[in-house]
N, C-alpha and C. Protein backbone atom coordinates (compact mmCIF):
# COMPACT_ATOMS: atom_id res chain seq x y z
N MET A 1 0.81 -1.14 0.00
CA MET A 1 0.00 0.00 0.00
C MET A 1 0.87 1.22 0.00
N ARG A 2 0.43 1.84 -0.76
CA ARG A 2 1.24 3.00 -0.99
C ARG A 2 0.55 4.24 -0.44
N ARG A 3 1.34 4.98 0.18
CA ARG A 3 0.75 6.20 0.74
C ARG A 3 1.01 7.34 -0.17
N THR A 4 0.01 7.98 -0.44
CA THR A 4 0.18 9.15 -1.28
C THR A 4 0.09 10.37 -0.38
N SER A 5 0.81 11.27 -0.74
CA SER A 5 0.75 12.47 0.08
C SER A 5 -0.47 13.29 -0.32
N GLN A 6 -1.14 13.63 0.65
CA GLN A 6 -2.34 14.43 0.39
C GLN A 6 -2.05 15.86 0.80
N ARG A 7 -2.47 16.66 -0.05
CA ARG A 7 -2.27 18.08 0.27
C ARG A 7 -3.52 18.61 0.96
N ARG A 8 -3.22 19.31 1.94
CA ARG A 8 -4.36 19.94 2.64
C ARG A 8 -4.39 21.41 2.28
N GLY A 9 -5.48 21.83 1.81
CA GLY A 9 -5.64 23.22 1.39
C GLY A 9 -6.17 24.07 2.53
N PRO A 10 -6.35 25.31 2.23
CA PRO A 10 -6.83 26.23 3.27
C PRO A 10 -8.24 25.87 3.71
N ALA A 11 -9.02 25.23 2.93
CA ALA A 11 -10.38 24.90 3.31
C ALA A 11 -10.40 23.84 4.38
N SER A 12 -9.41 23.02 4.39
CA SER A 12 -9.43 21.92 5.35
C SER A 12 -8.55 22.20 6.55
N ALA A 13 -8.06 23.43 6.68
CA ALA A 13 -7.19 23.76 7.81
C ALA A 13 -8.00 23.83 9.09
N VAL A 14 -7.45 23.41 10.18
CA VAL A 14 -8.10 23.44 11.48
C VAL A 14 -7.84 24.82 12.10
N PRO A 15 -8.88 25.47 12.52
CA PRO A 15 -8.67 26.80 13.09
C PRO A 15 -7.96 26.70 14.43
N PRO A 16 -7.13 27.68 14.75
CA PRO A 16 -6.46 27.66 16.05
C PRO A 16 -7.48 27.79 17.17
N ALA A 17 -7.10 27.42 18.37
CA ALA A 17 -8.01 27.39 19.51
C ALA A 17 -8.42 28.78 19.96
N SER A 18 -7.64 29.80 19.69
CA SER A 18 -7.97 31.14 20.17
C SER A 18 -8.73 31.97 19.16
N SER A 19 -9.12 31.43 18.07
CA SER A 19 -9.81 32.21 17.05
C SER A 19 -11.26 32.45 17.46
N PRO A 20 -11.89 33.52 16.96
CA PRO A 20 -13.28 33.83 17.33
C PRO A 20 -14.25 32.78 16.84
N ALA A 21 -13.88 32.01 15.88
CA ALA A 21 -14.81 31.01 15.38
C ALA A 21 -15.08 29.95 16.44
N ARG A 22 -14.17 29.80 17.36
CA ARG A 22 -14.36 28.81 18.43
C ARG A 22 -15.57 29.17 19.29
N PHE A 23 -15.73 30.49 19.59
CA PHE A 23 -16.85 30.93 20.41
C PHE A 23 -18.13 31.04 19.60
N GLY A 24 -18.05 31.24 18.36
CA GLY A 24 -19.22 31.35 17.52
C GLY A 24 -19.81 32.75 17.56
N ARG A 25 -20.91 32.91 16.89
CA ARG A 25 -21.55 34.22 16.80
C ARG A 25 -22.13 34.65 18.15
N SER A 26 -22.58 33.70 18.95
CA SER A 26 -23.16 34.08 20.25
C SER A 26 -22.11 34.69 21.16
N GLY A 27 -20.89 34.24 21.08
CA GLY A 27 -19.81 34.82 21.88
C GLY A 27 -19.52 36.24 21.49
N VAL A 28 -19.55 36.53 20.21
CA VAL A 28 -19.31 37.89 19.73
C VAL A 28 -20.44 38.81 20.18
N ARG A 29 -21.64 38.29 20.13
CA ARG A 29 -22.80 39.10 20.56
C ARG A 29 -22.71 39.41 22.06
N ILE A 30 -22.36 38.41 22.84
CA ILE A 30 -22.25 38.63 24.29
C ILE A 30 -21.16 39.65 24.57
N LEU A 31 -20.03 39.52 23.90
CA LEU A 31 -18.94 40.47 24.08
C LEU A 31 -19.35 41.88 23.67
N THR A 32 -20.11 42.00 22.60
CA THR A 32 -20.59 43.31 22.15
C THR A 32 -21.54 43.93 23.18
N VAL A 33 -22.44 43.12 23.70
CA VAL A 33 -23.40 43.61 24.70
C VAL A 33 -22.65 44.05 25.96
N VAL A 34 -21.68 43.27 26.39
CA VAL A 34 -20.91 43.63 27.58
C VAL A 34 -20.17 44.94 27.35
N LEU A 35 -19.57 45.13 26.20
CA LEU A 35 -18.86 46.38 25.91
C LEU A 35 -19.80 47.56 25.84
N ILE A 36 -20.99 47.38 25.29
CA ILE A 36 -21.98 48.47 25.23
C ILE A 36 -22.43 48.85 26.64
N VAL A 37 -22.73 47.84 27.47
CA VAL A 37 -23.16 48.12 28.85
C VAL A 37 -22.05 48.82 29.61
N LEU A 38 -20.82 48.37 29.45
CA LEU A 38 -19.69 49.00 30.12
C LEU A 38 -19.50 50.44 29.66
N SER A 39 -19.66 50.70 28.38
CA SER A 39 -19.50 52.08 27.89
C SER A 39 -20.64 52.97 28.37
N LEU A 40 -21.87 52.44 28.44
CA LEU A 40 -22.99 53.24 28.97
C LEU A 40 -22.81 53.54 30.45
N TRP A 41 -22.31 52.58 31.17
CA TRP A 41 -22.08 52.76 32.60
C TRP A 41 -21.00 53.83 32.81
N THR A 42 -19.96 53.78 32.03
CA THR A 42 -18.89 54.79 32.11
C THR A 42 -19.43 56.16 31.72
N LEU A 43 -20.27 56.23 30.70
CA LEU A 43 -20.86 57.51 30.28
C LEU A 43 -21.75 58.09 31.37
N SER A 44 -22.55 57.24 32.01
CA SER A 44 -23.42 57.74 33.08
C SER A 44 -22.60 58.25 34.26
N GLY A 45 -21.50 57.58 34.57
CA GLY A 45 -20.62 58.06 35.63
C GLY A 45 -20.00 59.39 35.29
N PHE A 46 -19.61 59.57 34.04
CA PHE A 46 -19.03 60.84 33.59
C PHE A 46 -20.05 61.97 33.69
N VAL A 47 -21.27 61.71 33.23
CA VAL A 47 -22.32 62.73 33.29
C VAL A 47 -22.61 63.08 34.75
N SER A 48 -22.65 62.09 35.60
CA SER A 48 -22.88 62.34 37.03
C SER A 48 -21.78 63.22 37.61
N GLN A 49 -20.55 62.96 37.25
CA GLN A 49 -19.44 63.78 37.73
C GLN A 49 -19.53 65.21 37.23
N VAL A 50 -19.94 65.39 36.00
CA VAL A 50 -20.07 66.74 35.43
C VAL A 50 -21.16 67.51 36.17
N LEU A 51 -22.29 66.86 36.43
CA LEU A 51 -23.39 67.52 37.15
C LEU A 51 -22.98 67.86 38.58
N THR A 52 -22.30 66.95 39.23
CA THR A 52 -21.83 67.21 40.60
C THR A 52 -20.85 68.37 40.62
N SER A 53 -19.97 68.42 39.64
CA SER A 53 -19.00 69.51 39.56
C SER A 53 -19.71 70.86 39.37
N ALA A 54 -20.71 70.89 38.51
CA ALA A 54 -21.46 72.14 38.28
C ALA A 54 -22.17 72.59 39.55
N GLN A 55 -22.76 71.64 40.27
CA GLN A 55 -23.45 71.99 41.51
C GLN A 55 -22.46 72.51 42.56
N MET A 56 -21.30 71.90 42.63
CA MET A 56 -20.30 72.36 43.58
C MET A 56 -19.80 73.75 43.24
N GLN A 57 -19.68 74.07 41.96
CA GLN A 57 -19.27 75.42 41.56
C GLN A 57 -20.33 76.45 41.94
N ARG A 58 -21.61 76.08 41.77
CA ARG A 58 -22.69 77.00 42.18
C ARG A 58 -22.63 77.23 43.69
N ASN A 59 -22.47 76.15 44.45
CA ASN A 59 -22.40 76.29 45.90
C ASN A 59 -21.20 77.13 46.31
N GLN A 60 -20.09 76.96 45.62
CA GLN A 60 -18.89 77.72 45.92
C GLN A 60 -19.13 79.21 45.66
N ALA A 61 -19.82 79.53 44.58
CA ALA A 61 -20.12 80.94 44.28
C ALA A 61 -21.04 81.53 45.35
N GLU A 62 -22.03 80.76 45.80
CA GLU A 62 -22.94 81.25 46.85
C GLU A 62 -22.19 81.50 48.16
N VAL A 63 -21.30 80.59 48.51
CA VAL A 63 -20.54 80.74 49.75
C VAL A 63 -19.61 81.95 49.66
N ARG A 64 -19.02 82.17 48.49
CA ARG A 64 -18.17 83.35 48.34
C ARG A 64 -18.98 84.64 48.47
N ALA A 65 -20.20 84.65 47.93
CA ALA A 65 -21.06 85.83 48.06
C ALA A 65 -21.43 86.06 49.52
N GLN A 66 -21.74 84.99 50.24
CA GLN A 66 -22.05 85.12 51.67
C GLN A 66 -20.85 85.62 52.45
N ASN A 67 -19.66 85.13 52.10
CA ASN A 67 -18.45 85.60 52.78
C ASN A 67 -18.23 87.09 52.54
N ALA A 68 -18.46 87.54 51.33
CA ALA A 68 -18.29 88.96 51.03
C ALA A 68 -19.29 89.80 51.82
N GLN A 69 -20.54 89.32 51.90
CA GLN A 69 -21.56 90.04 52.67
C GLN A 69 -21.19 90.10 54.15
N LEU A 70 -20.72 88.97 54.68
CA LEU A 70 -20.34 88.94 56.09
C LEU A 70 -19.11 89.81 56.36
N ALA A 71 -18.20 89.87 55.41
CA ALA A 71 -17.03 90.74 55.58
C ALA A 71 -17.45 92.20 55.63
N THR A 72 -18.40 92.59 54.77
CA THR A 72 -18.90 93.97 54.78
C THR A 72 -19.59 94.28 56.10
N GLU A 73 -20.42 93.35 56.55
CA GLU A 73 -21.13 93.54 57.83
C GLU A 73 -20.13 93.61 58.99
N ASN A 74 -19.10 92.80 58.93
CA ASN A 74 -18.09 92.79 59.98
C ASN A 74 -17.35 94.13 60.02
N ALA A 75 -17.05 94.69 58.85
CA ALA A 75 -16.38 95.99 58.80
C ALA A 75 -17.27 97.09 59.38
N GLN A 76 -18.56 97.04 59.07
CA GLN A 76 -19.49 98.03 59.63
C GLN A 76 -19.56 97.92 61.14
N LEU A 77 -19.64 96.69 61.64
CA LEU A 77 -19.69 96.50 63.08
C LEU A 77 -18.40 96.95 63.75
N ALA A 78 -17.27 96.74 63.10
CA ALA A 78 -15.99 97.19 63.67
C ALA A 78 -15.96 98.70 63.79
N THR A 79 -16.48 99.42 62.78
CA THR A 79 -16.51 100.89 62.87
C THR A 79 -17.48 101.34 63.96
N GLN A 80 -18.60 100.64 64.12
CA GLN A 80 -19.54 101.00 65.19
C GLN A 80 -18.91 100.77 66.56
N VAL A 81 -18.14 99.71 66.72
CA VAL A 81 -17.48 99.45 68.00
C VAL A 81 -16.46 100.54 68.29
N ALA A 82 -15.69 100.91 67.27
CA ALA A 82 -14.70 101.97 67.46
C ALA A 82 -15.38 103.28 67.83
N ASP A 83 -16.51 103.59 67.20
CA ASP A 83 -17.24 104.82 67.53
C ASP A 83 -17.81 104.76 68.94
N SER A 84 -18.31 103.61 69.34
CA SER A 84 -18.94 103.52 70.66
C SER A 84 -17.92 103.59 71.79
N GLN A 85 -16.65 103.36 71.51
CA GLN A 85 -15.63 103.44 72.54
C GLN A 85 -15.04 104.84 72.66
N SER A 86 -15.44 105.76 71.81
CA SER A 86 -14.89 107.11 71.86
C SER A 86 -15.64 107.95 72.89
N PRO A 87 -14.97 108.95 73.46
CA PRO A 87 -15.64 109.83 74.44
C PRO A 87 -16.75 110.67 73.81
N ALA A 88 -16.63 110.98 72.53
CA ALA A 88 -17.66 111.78 71.86
C ALA A 88 -18.98 111.01 71.82
N TYR A 89 -18.90 109.72 71.62
CA TYR A 89 -20.11 108.89 71.59
C TYR A 89 -20.78 108.88 72.97
N ALA A 90 -19.97 108.73 74.02
CA ALA A 90 -20.52 108.72 75.38
C ALA A 90 -21.18 110.05 75.69
N GLU A 91 -20.55 111.14 75.27
CA GLU A 91 -21.13 112.47 75.52
C GLU A 91 -22.45 112.63 74.76
N ARG A 92 -22.47 112.18 73.52
CA ARG A 92 -23.70 112.31 72.73
C ARG A 92 -24.84 111.51 73.35
N ILE A 93 -24.55 110.30 73.83
CA ILE A 93 -25.59 109.48 74.45
C ILE A 93 -26.09 110.15 75.73
N LEU A 94 -25.18 110.70 76.52
CA LEU A 94 -25.60 111.39 77.74
C LEU A 94 -26.49 112.58 77.43
N ARG A 95 -26.17 113.32 76.37
CA ARG A 95 -26.99 114.48 76.01
C ARG A 95 -28.36 114.05 75.50
N GLU A 96 -28.37 113.03 74.61
CA GLU A 96 -29.63 112.66 73.97
C GLU A 96 -30.55 111.90 74.90
N GLN A 97 -30.00 110.94 75.62
CA GLN A 97 -30.87 110.05 76.39
C GLN A 97 -31.01 110.45 77.85
N ARG A 98 -29.99 111.07 78.41
CA ARG A 98 -30.04 111.41 79.83
C ARG A 98 -30.31 112.89 80.11
N GLY A 99 -30.24 113.71 79.10
CA GLY A 99 -30.57 115.12 79.28
C GLY A 99 -29.44 115.93 79.91
N TYR A 100 -28.21 115.47 79.87
CA TYR A 100 -27.08 116.21 80.41
C TYR A 100 -26.71 117.35 79.48
N ALA A 101 -26.05 118.37 80.07
CA ALA A 101 -25.59 119.51 79.28
C ALA A 101 -24.16 119.84 79.70
N ARG A 102 -23.41 120.46 78.78
CA ARG A 102 -22.04 120.88 79.07
C ARG A 102 -22.08 122.21 79.81
N GLU A 103 -20.94 122.52 80.42
CA GLU A 103 -20.84 123.82 81.06
C GLU A 103 -20.88 124.89 79.98
N GLY A 104 -21.68 125.90 80.22
CA GLY A 104 -21.79 126.99 79.27
C GLY A 104 -22.95 126.82 78.29
N ASP A 105 -23.56 125.65 78.25
CA ASP A 105 -24.71 125.46 77.37
C ASP A 105 -25.93 126.11 78.00
N THR A 106 -26.77 126.67 77.17
CA THR A 106 -28.02 127.23 77.64
C THR A 106 -29.08 126.16 77.48
N VAL A 107 -29.70 125.83 78.57
CA VAL A 107 -30.72 124.77 78.54
C VAL A 107 -32.08 125.45 78.47
N LEU A 108 -32.82 125.09 77.50
CA LEU A 108 -34.17 125.61 77.36
C LEU A 108 -35.14 124.53 77.77
N LEU A 109 -35.91 124.84 78.76
CA LEU A 109 -36.92 123.90 79.20
C LEU A 109 -38.27 124.41 78.78
N PRO A 110 -38.99 123.65 78.05
CA PRO A 110 -40.32 124.12 77.65
C PRO A 110 -41.24 124.12 78.86
N SER A 111 -42.08 125.11 78.88
CA SER A 111 -43.06 125.16 79.97
C SER A 111 -44.42 124.86 79.36
N PHE A 112 -45.05 123.91 79.95
CA PHE A 112 -46.37 123.50 79.48
C PHE A 112 -47.40 124.09 80.42
N PRO A 113 -48.45 124.68 79.88
CA PRO A 113 -49.47 125.25 80.77
C PRO A 113 -50.12 124.13 81.58
N GLN A 114 -50.39 124.47 82.82
CA GLN A 114 -51.01 123.50 83.71
C GLN A 114 -52.48 123.38 83.34
N VAL A 115 -52.88 122.24 83.00
CA VAL A 115 -54.27 122.00 82.64
C VAL A 115 -54.94 121.41 83.87
N THR A 116 -55.94 122.16 84.33
CA THR A 116 -56.68 121.65 85.50
C THR A 116 -57.95 121.02 84.99
N ALA A 117 -58.25 119.96 85.58
CA ALA A 117 -59.46 119.24 85.17
C ALA A 117 -60.67 119.98 85.72
N THR A 118 -61.60 120.27 84.85
CA THR A 118 -62.84 120.92 85.28
C THR A 118 -63.79 119.83 85.75
N PRO A 119 -64.38 120.04 86.89
CA PRO A 119 -65.29 119.00 87.38
C PRO A 119 -66.51 118.91 86.47
N GLU A 120 -66.86 117.72 86.18
CA GLU A 120 -68.03 117.51 85.32
C GLU A 120 -69.28 117.67 86.15
N PRO A 121 -70.29 118.28 85.54
CA PRO A 121 -71.54 118.40 86.30
C PRO A 121 -72.13 117.01 86.50
N PRO A 122 -72.78 116.84 87.60
CA PRO A 122 -73.37 115.52 87.84
C PRO A 122 -74.38 115.21 86.74
N PRO A 123 -74.48 113.99 86.39
CA PRO A 123 -75.42 113.64 85.32
C PRO A 123 -76.84 113.98 85.76
N SER A 124 -77.53 114.59 84.85
CA SER A 124 -78.91 114.99 85.19
C SER A 124 -79.78 113.75 85.28
N GLN A 125 -80.69 113.84 86.22
CA GLN A 125 -81.60 112.73 86.42
C GLN A 125 -82.67 112.79 85.34
N ALA A 126 -82.68 111.80 84.50
CA ALA A 126 -83.67 111.76 83.44
C ALA A 126 -84.99 111.28 84.02
N ALA A 127 -86.03 111.84 83.46
CA ALA A 127 -87.36 111.44 83.94
C ALA A 127 -87.59 109.99 83.57
N PRO A 128 -88.14 109.25 84.48
CA PRO A 128 -88.37 107.84 84.17
C PRO A 128 -89.35 107.72 83.01
N THR A 129 -89.04 106.87 82.12
CA THR A 129 -89.92 106.65 80.97
C THR A 129 -90.89 105.54 81.30
N ALA A 130 -92.03 105.64 80.69
CA ALA A 130 -93.05 104.63 80.94
C ALA A 130 -92.61 103.33 80.28
N VAL A 131 -92.80 102.27 81.01
CA VAL A 131 -92.43 100.97 80.49
C VAL A 131 -93.57 100.49 79.61
N PRO A 132 -93.30 100.12 78.39
CA PRO A 132 -94.39 99.68 77.53
C PRO A 132 -94.95 98.35 78.02
N ALA A 133 -96.18 98.12 77.63
CA ALA A 133 -96.84 96.87 78.02
C ALA A 133 -96.14 95.72 77.32
N PRO A 134 -96.20 94.55 77.94
CA PRO A 134 -95.57 93.40 77.29
C PRO A 134 -96.22 93.12 75.93
N ASN A 135 -95.48 92.49 75.10
CA ASN A 135 -95.90 92.24 73.73
C ASN A 135 -97.16 91.39 73.66
N TRP A 136 -97.28 90.41 74.54
CA TRP A 136 -98.45 89.53 74.48
C TRP A 136 -99.72 90.29 74.81
N GLN A 137 -99.61 91.31 75.70
CA GLN A 137 -100.80 92.10 76.03
C GLN A 137 -101.20 92.98 74.84
N ARG A 138 -100.22 93.50 74.12
CA ARG A 138 -100.57 94.32 72.97
C ARG A 138 -101.21 93.48 71.87
N TRP A 139 -100.74 92.26 71.68
CA TRP A 139 -101.37 91.37 70.70
C TRP A 139 -102.79 91.01 71.13
N PHE A 140 -102.95 90.77 72.39
CA PHE A 140 -104.28 90.42 72.89
C PHE A 140 -105.27 91.58 72.69
N ALA A 141 -104.77 92.79 72.95
CA ALA A 141 -105.63 93.97 72.77
C ALA A 141 -105.93 94.19 71.29
N ALA A 142 -104.99 93.85 70.41
CA ALA A 142 -105.23 94.04 68.99
C ALA A 142 -106.18 93.00 68.43
N LEU A 143 -106.11 91.78 68.93
CA LEU A 143 -106.98 90.71 68.42
C LEU A 143 -108.37 90.71 69.06
N PHE A 144 -108.42 91.05 70.32
CA PHE A 144 -109.71 91.08 71.04
C PHE A 144 -109.91 92.45 71.64
N PRO A 145 -110.39 93.41 70.86
CA PRO A 145 -110.56 94.76 71.39
C PRO A 145 -111.69 94.78 72.44
N ALA A 146 -111.50 95.63 73.41
CA ALA A 146 -112.53 95.79 74.47
C ALA A 146 -113.63 96.69 73.91
N ASP A 147 -114.84 96.25 74.10
CA ASP A 147 -115.98 97.04 73.61
C ASP A 147 -116.29 98.13 74.63
N ASN A 148 -116.12 99.35 74.22
CA ASN A 148 -116.45 100.49 75.09
C ASN A 148 -117.77 101.08 74.61
N PRO A 149 -118.84 100.99 75.47
CA PRO A 149 -120.13 101.55 75.01
C PRO A 149 -120.21 103.02 75.09
């Protein structure tokens, strides 16, 4: 028996074990679905980070505005404290609220006329008024008049 050499062409070649044909079309589909889900998940995380960053920038701007307002208020309060510790402020408060005057000032005191209460005359005694007859008696008189001959 004689062995003849047979040539094997590309059609009869055995595919290597790592080729995609080993997994078939279902493997490619599963891999595609997994990659799509992974990319969507990554995209949603990115969008979430962008939104969070925008919100943090807004909050940062609000806090800076509040800080500026508080700094202005703090400066005003500091000037008020400095004014209240001066002797001129104490003198002004004494003049306005306590009625003190400096030496040499002319104090004008208003004089209000004394108003005396005039005694009221006693209330006049009003003449007693006649008490009207009760309502039931007036109805009775209207429905059953008395015959006067």
